[in-house]
Amino acid sequence: MINQMDTLSLHLMNTDFYIAVPENNQPDWKEKVEKWLQYVAKEWSRFEDNNELSKLNRLKVGNTMQISTLLFDCLSKANHYYLLSDGLFSPYLKRQLEQHGYNQSFPLERIVNEPIKIDIVKSLPFEFLHNQKVLKLANQEVDLGGFAKGYAIERVALWLQSQGFTEYGIVDGGGDMKMWSDGKKEWTIGIAHPLDKDREISYIKMKTGAIATSNCLYRSWMQANTKKHHLLNGQTGEIVRTEVIQSTFVSDSLCEAEVGAKLCFLLNENEQQLWFEKNFQQCARFVVKEDTVGYWKRSKGEIADVQ
């Protein structure tokens, strides 16, 4: 028998969050979860002028800075995927995003100015030292974007389980989610149609895992006479041009899923299959192209019931 749910809904980071766990005797869990998500929204946003991330971005090349344990952990994880993908996925694109017109939180108005190309620095932007210190090696600035949200969701899920919510739970941040179950509860997650959020194009059933979705239509804007979106090629700093309009990635880790969903825009179908089989051993992806026909692909491992 599944116990009755206790839920929390809130809006942060331009995202609707929904958290559900079994009812128990810990009434303060909602306050602690909300406080953590508010902290991430404030301190890790590139749109804030005087937070921890902005101080890191103002750091001069050759200088070091001690950052908080969790920001250090998040950034070092993002840097791991940056290296693993040979820079295709990159948390170091703040300046490039701003030059493409994405210099304020959504919704964006039409950007009149033409972009000024900022070359990608090929050397590693940071060296990660002991005691949560980072050494700035190159003039690139950090934008953690959706990766930070995925990291925050994953931390909430781990914390809730450590607090005794082990039977089941789900942490959903605008469709990027982490869920778990002791085996009794199975989650059925619908995947929204890329052109109509109120209509489902597919679904997945799973007990424990993570799902991330990227869409190049929702976060888009006009710069001069060119349509832009928020997905950039980390090797070039340019807007990704592809037939893919939405990708949903299923994995054990939400951080991994966030990266996988973006790589579906950056790699062609053959490259995707080879790369994911080599680097993400157990995953599945649902890719939708401009003709709005979606298809599922798996790596070697079986992970969930999908349709």
Protein backbone atom coordinates (compact mmCIF):
# COMPACT_ATOMS: atom_id res chain seq x y z
CA MET A 1 0.00 0.00 0.00
CA ILE A 2 1.35 3.44 -0.98
CA ASN A 3 1.18 6.07 1.75
CA GLN A 4 -0.55 9.38 1.10
CA MET A 5 1.62 12.05 -0.49
CA ASP A 6 2.87 15.27 1.06
CA THR A 7 3.67 17.86 -1.62
CA LEU A 8 5.40 21.20 -2.12
CA SER A 9 4.93 23.52 -5.10
CA LEU A 10 6.90 26.72 -5.71
CA HIS A 11 8.15 28.93 -8.54
CA LEU A 12 11.85 29.79 -8.75
CA MET A 13 14.41 30.23 -11.57
CA ASN A 14 11.52 30.76 -14.03
CA THR A 15 10.57 27.18 -13.19
CA ASP A 16 7.61 25.52 -11.49
CA PHE A 17 8.89 23.04 -8.91
CA TYR A 18 6.85 20.14 -7.59
CA ILE A 19 8.10 17.83 -4.84
CA ALA A 20 6.14 14.83 -3.54
CA VAL A 21 7.07 12.39 -0.76
CA PRO A 22 5.10 10.15 1.64
CA GLU A 23 3.57 11.86 4.64
CA ASN A 24 5.66 11.50 7.81
CA ASN A 25 6.45 13.39 11.01
CA GLN A 26 8.92 15.92 9.53
CA PRO A 27 6.93 19.11 8.99
CA ASP A 28 10.00 21.29 8.36
CA TRP A 29 11.27 19.51 5.21
CA LYS A 30 9.42 21.94 2.96
CA GLU A 31 11.07 24.96 4.57
CA LYS A 32 14.55 23.44 4.18
CA VAL A 33 14.00 22.43 0.55
CA GLU A 34 12.63 25.85 -0.35
CA LYS A 35 15.55 27.57 1.39
CA TRP A 36 18.08 25.50 -0.61
CA LEU A 37 16.39 26.19 -3.94
CA GLN A 38 16.18 29.91 -3.14
CA TYR A 39 19.90 29.86 -2.33
CA VAL A 40 20.74 28.31 -5.71
CA ALA A 41 18.45 30.75 -7.53
CA LYS A 42 20.20 33.71 -5.88
CA GLU A 43 23.84 32.68 -5.59
CA TRP A 44 24.31 30.69 -8.81
CA SER A 45 22.43 32.92 -11.25
CA ARG A 46 24.45 34.77 -13.88
CA PHE A 47 21.82 37.55 -13.83
CA GLU A 48 22.68 38.65 -10.26
CA ASP A 49 25.38 41.32 -9.87
CA ASN A 50 26.78 40.55 -6.44
CA ASN A 51 26.40 36.83 -5.79
CA GLU A 52 29.00 34.08 -5.49
CA LEU A 53 28.95 33.24 -9.19
CA SER A 54 29.43 36.87 -10.26
CA LYS A 55 32.44 37.16 -7.95
CA LEU A 56 33.90 34.05 -9.55
CA ASN A 57 33.28 35.48 -13.02
CA ARG A 58 35.03 38.73 -12.09
CA LEU A 59 38.10 36.82 -10.89
CA LYS A 60 41.19 37.83 -12.85
CA VAL A 61 43.21 35.29 -14.79
CA GLY A 62 45.98 33.91 -12.57
CA ASN A 63 44.10 34.52 -9.31
CA THR A 64 42.47 31.95 -7.02
CA MET A 65 39.20 32.04 -5.10
CA GLN A 66 37.70 29.82 -2.45
CA ILE A 67 34.07 29.06 -3.23
CA SER A 68 31.35 27.26 -1.29
CA THR A 69 31.53 23.47 -1.10
CA LEU A 70 28.39 22.90 -3.16
CA LEU A 71 29.26 25.40 -5.90
CA PHE A 72 32.72 23.80 -6.10
CA ASP A 73 31.08 20.38 -6.41
CA CYS A 74 28.58 21.54 -9.03
CA LEU A 75 31.16 23.36 -11.14
CA SER A 76 33.68 20.52 -10.95
CA LYS A 77 30.96 18.08 -12.09
CA ALA A 78 30.07 20.38 -15.00
CA ASN A 79 33.77 20.65 -15.82
CA HIS A 80 33.99 16.84 -15.87
CA TYR A 81 31.34 16.69 -18.60
CA TYR A 82 33.05 19.58 -20.41
CA LEU A 83 36.23 17.49 -20.61
CA LEU A 84 34.36 14.27 -21.38
CA SER A 85 32.56 15.86 -24.35
CA ASP A 86 35.69 17.61 -25.64
CA GLY A 87 34.06 20.96 -24.89
CA LEU A 88 30.79 20.39 -26.78
CA PHE A 89 28.92 20.72 -23.49
CA SER A 90 30.33 23.76 -21.72
CA PRO A 91 29.50 25.67 -18.52
CA TYR A 92 31.81 28.47 -19.74
CA LEU A 93 29.59 30.27 -22.26
CA LYS A 94 28.28 33.26 -20.31
CA ARG A 95 29.95 35.88 -22.53
CA GLN A 96 28.87 34.12 -25.72
CA LEU A 97 25.25 33.85 -24.55
CA GLU A 98 25.22 37.56 -23.74
CA GLN A 99 26.59 38.49 -27.16
CA HIS A 100 23.79 36.47 -28.74
CA GLY A 101 21.34 38.64 -26.79
CA TYR A 102 20.59 36.37 -23.84
CA ASN A 103 21.68 38.91 -21.23
CA GLN A 104 18.61 38.95 -18.99
CA SER A 105 16.11 36.50 -17.62
CA PHE A 106 13.21 35.43 -19.84
CA PRO A 107 11.03 36.68 -21.40
CA LEU A 108 13.38 38.50 -23.80
CA GLU A 109 12.40 41.34 -26.08
CA ARG A 110 13.68 41.62 -29.64
CA ILE A 111 17.42 42.35 -29.60
CA VAL A 112 18.38 45.08 -32.09
CA ASN A 113 22.18 44.84 -31.96
CA GLU A 114 24.06 42.35 -34.10
CA PRO A 115 26.20 39.85 -32.15
CA ILE A 116 29.92 40.45 -31.72
CA LYS A 117 31.75 37.16 -32.01
CA ILE A 118 33.75 36.21 -28.93
CA ASP A 119 36.24 33.46 -29.64
CA ILE A 120 36.27 30.37 -27.46
CA VAL A 121 39.45 30.03 -25.42
CA LYS A 122 40.78 26.56 -26.12
CA SER A 123 42.66 26.19 -22.82
CA LEU A 124 40.93 24.92 -19.68
CA PRO A 125 39.25 27.91 -17.95
CA PHE A 126 39.77 26.74 -14.35
CA GLU A 127 41.98 24.48 -12.31
CA PHE A 128 40.28 22.90 -9.32
CA LEU A 129 42.51 22.96 -6.23
CA HIS A 130 42.16 21.68 -2.67
CA ASN A 131 39.94 23.31 -0.02
CA GLN A 132 37.33 24.36 -2.61
CA LYS A 133 39.74 26.76 -4.30
CA VAL A 134 39.75 27.41 -8.04
CA LEU A 135 42.50 28.98 -10.12
CA LYS A 136 41.37 31.00 -13.13
CA LEU A 137 43.39 30.06 -16.20
CA ALA A 138 41.53 31.75 -19.06
CA ASN A 139 39.12 34.59 -19.69
CA GLN A 140 35.94 32.54 -19.92
CA GLU A 141 32.95 33.11 -17.62
CA VAL A 142 30.62 30.59 -16.02
CA ASP A 143 26.95 30.06 -16.80
CA LEU A 144 25.73 26.86 -15.11
CA GLY A 145 22.23 27.26 -16.54
CA GLY A 146 20.12 24.11 -16.56
CA PHE A 147 22.97 22.05 -15.15
CA ALA A 148 22.75 23.98 -11.86
CA LYS A 149 19.01 23.34 -11.70
CA GLY A 150 19.57 19.63 -12.31
CA TYR A 151 22.28 19.54 -9.67
CA ALA A 152 20.01 21.32 -7.17
CA ILE A 153 17.16 18.88 -7.87
CA GLU A 154 19.47 15.92 -7.40
CA ARG A 155 20.73 17.32 -4.07
CA VAL A 156 17.13 17.75 -2.87
CA ALA A 157 16.34 14.13 -3.79
CA LEU A 158 19.41 12.79 -1.99
CA TRP A 159 18.69 14.91 1.09
CA LEU A 160 15.05 13.79 1.28
CA GLN A 161 16.11 10.14 1.14
CA SER A 162 18.66 10.78 3.90
CA GLN A 163 15.82 12.21 6.02
CA GLY A 164 13.86 8.97 5.87
CA PHE A 165 11.77 9.48 2.73
CA THR A 166 12.97 6.21 1.25
CA GLU A 167 9.66 4.65 0.20
CA TYR A 168 9.29 6.93 -2.81
CA GLY A 169 9.61 10.52 -3.93
CA ILE A 170 9.86 12.86 -6.88
CA VAL A 171 11.50 16.26 -7.35
CA ASP A 172 10.35 17.93 -10.57
CA GLY A 173 11.73 21.24 -11.79
CA GLY A 174 9.89 22.15 -14.97
CA GLY A 175 10.16 18.66 -16.45
CA ASP A 176 13.70 17.96 -15.25
CA MET A 177 13.19 15.45 -12.49
CA LYS A 178 14.61 12.88 -10.14
CA MET A 179 12.39 10.12 -8.78
CA TRP A 180 12.95 7.09 -6.57
CA SER A 181 11.03 4.12 -5.22
CA ASP A 182 11.65 1.13 -2.99
CA GLY A 183 10.04 -0.97 -5.73
CA LYS A 184 6.37 -0.68 -4.84
CA LYS A 185 5.67 2.59 -6.66
CA GLU A 186 6.17 3.08 -10.38
CA TRP A 187 6.12 6.54 -11.89
CA THR A 188 4.49 7.26 -15.25
CA ILE A 189 5.96 10.44 -16.75
CA GLY A 190 4.47 12.07 -19.82
CA ILE A 191 6.69 13.87 -22.31
CA ALA A 192 5.16 17.11 -23.57
CA HIS A 193 4.79 17.74 -27.28
CA PRO A 194 7.44 20.29 -28.36
CA LEU A 195 4.80 22.57 -29.88
CA ASP A 196 2.08 22.11 -27.25
CA LYS A 197 2.95 21.71 -23.56
CA ASP A 198 -0.58 20.51 -22.79
CA ARG A 199 -0.31 17.51 -25.14
CA GLU A 200 1.84 14.43 -24.58
CA ILE A 201 3.91 12.98 -27.40
CA SER A 202 5.26 9.97 -25.45
CA TYR A 203 5.71 8.65 -21.92
CA ILE A 204 8.04 6.63 -19.77
CA LYS A 205 7.46 4.33 -16.80
CA MET A 206 10.20 3.98 -14.21
CA LYS A 207 10.73 3.40 -10.50
CA THR A 208 14.06 5.14 -9.93
CA GLY A 209 16.01 7.46 -12.21
CA ALA A 210 16.24 10.91 -13.73
CA ILE A 211 14.80 12.71 -16.75
CA ALA A 212 15.91 15.96 -18.41
CA THR A 213 14.38 17.68 -21.42
CA SER A 214 15.85 20.40 -23.66
CA ASN A 215 13.78 22.35 -26.16
CA CYS A 216 15.13 25.00 -28.54
CA LEU A 217 11.71 26.59 -29.20
CA TYR A 218 10.61 27.81 -25.75
CA ARG A 219 13.76 29.74 -24.83
CA SER A 220 14.18 31.58 -28.12
CA TRP A 221 14.28 35.21 -29.26
CA MET A 222 15.07 37.43 -32.24
CA GLN A 223 18.40 39.22 -32.53
CA ALA A 224 18.33 41.67 -35.43
CA ASN A 225 16.73 39.46 -38.11
CA THR A 226 17.99 36.13 -36.80
CA LYS A 227 16.14 33.75 -34.52
CA LYS A 228 18.29 32.60 -31.61
CA HIS A 229 17.91 30.02 -28.85
CA HIS A 230 19.80 29.14 -25.67
CA LEU A 231 21.65 26.03 -26.90
CA LEU A 232 25.21 26.83 -27.96
CA ASN A 233 28.01 24.68 -29.32
CA GLY A 234 30.65 24.79 -26.60
CA GLN A 235 33.47 24.40 -29.12
CA THR A 236 32.45 27.40 -31.24
CA GLY A 237 30.18 29.58 -29.09
CA GLU A 238 27.63 29.62 -31.90
CA ILE A 239 23.90 28.80 -31.79
CA VAL A 240 23.33 25.14 -32.60
CA ARG A 241 21.74 24.61 -36.02
CA THR A 242 20.00 21.25 -36.17
CA GLU A 243 16.76 19.54 -37.15
CA VAL A 244 16.28 18.51 -33.51
CA ILE A 245 13.78 20.69 -31.64
CA GLN A 246 13.43 18.67 -28.42
CA SER A 247 15.28 15.90 -26.63
CA THR A 248 14.40 13.99 -23.49
CA PHE A 249 17.16 12.02 -21.80
CA VAL A 250 16.67 9.28 -19.20
CA SER A 251 19.49 8.19 -16.91
CA ASP A 252 20.34 7.28 -13.33
CA SER A 253 21.84 10.74 -12.75
CA LEU A 254 20.08 14.03 -13.44
CA CYS A 255 23.39 15.82 -14.02
CA GLU A 256 24.19 13.19 -16.66
CA ALA A 257 20.70 13.56 -18.14
CA GLU A 258 21.09 17.35 -18.40
CA VAL A 259 24.28 16.89 -20.41
CA GLY A 260 22.84 14.06 -22.51
CA ALA A 261 19.77 16.09 -23.49
CA LYS A 262 21.99 18.89 -24.80
CA LEU A 263 24.34 16.56 -26.65
CA CYS A 264 21.35 15.28 -28.64
CA PHE A 265 21.40 18.69 -30.35
CA LEU A 266 25.17 18.68 -30.85
CA LEU A 267 25.78 15.17 -32.20
CA ASN A 268 24.16 13.49 -35.18
CA GLU A 269 22.33 10.19 -34.69
CA ASN A 270 25.33 7.95 -35.37
CA GLU A 271 27.62 10.07 -33.20
CA GLN A 272 25.04 10.03 -30.40
CA GLN A 273 24.79 6.26 -30.33
CA LEU A 274 28.56 5.75 -30.31
CA TRP A 275 29.17 8.48 -27.73
CA PHE A 276 26.45 7.42 -25.31
CA GLU A 277 27.36 3.72 -25.53
CA LYS A 278 30.94 4.63 -24.68
CA ASN A 279 30.33 7.23 -21.96
CA PHE A 280 26.79 6.82 -20.53
CA GLN A 281 26.33 3.09 -20.21
CA GLN A 282 22.68 2.99 -19.16
CA CYS A 283 20.44 5.60 -20.73
CA ALA A 284 17.63 6.25 -23.19
CA ARG A 285 16.69 9.29 -25.24
CA PHE A 286 13.59 10.52 -27.02
CA VAL A 287 14.42 12.90 -29.86
CA VAL A 288 11.92 15.04 -31.76
CA LYS A 289 12.86 16.72 -35.04
CA GLU A 290 11.24 19.53 -37.01
CA ASP A 291 8.67 17.15 -38.52
CA THR A 292 7.59 16.53 -34.87
CA VAL A 293 8.05 12.78 -35.28
CA GLY A 294 9.78 11.47 -32.18
CA TYR A 295 11.81 8.31 -31.72
CA TRP A 296 13.36 6.44 -28.80
CA LYS A 297 16.95 5.23 -28.72
CA ARG A 298 18.75 3.31 -25.99
CA SER A 299 22.35 2.71 -25.09
CA LYS A 300 23.41 -0.84 -24.28
CA GLY A 301 21.64 -1.09 -20.94
CA GLU A 302 17.92 -1.40 -20.33
CA ILE A 303 16.64 1.37 -18.09
CA ALA A 304 12.87 1.82 -18.32
CA ASP A 305 9.62 1.03 -20.09
CA VAL A 306 9.16 3.69 -22.75
CA GLN A 307 6.67 4.42 -25.51
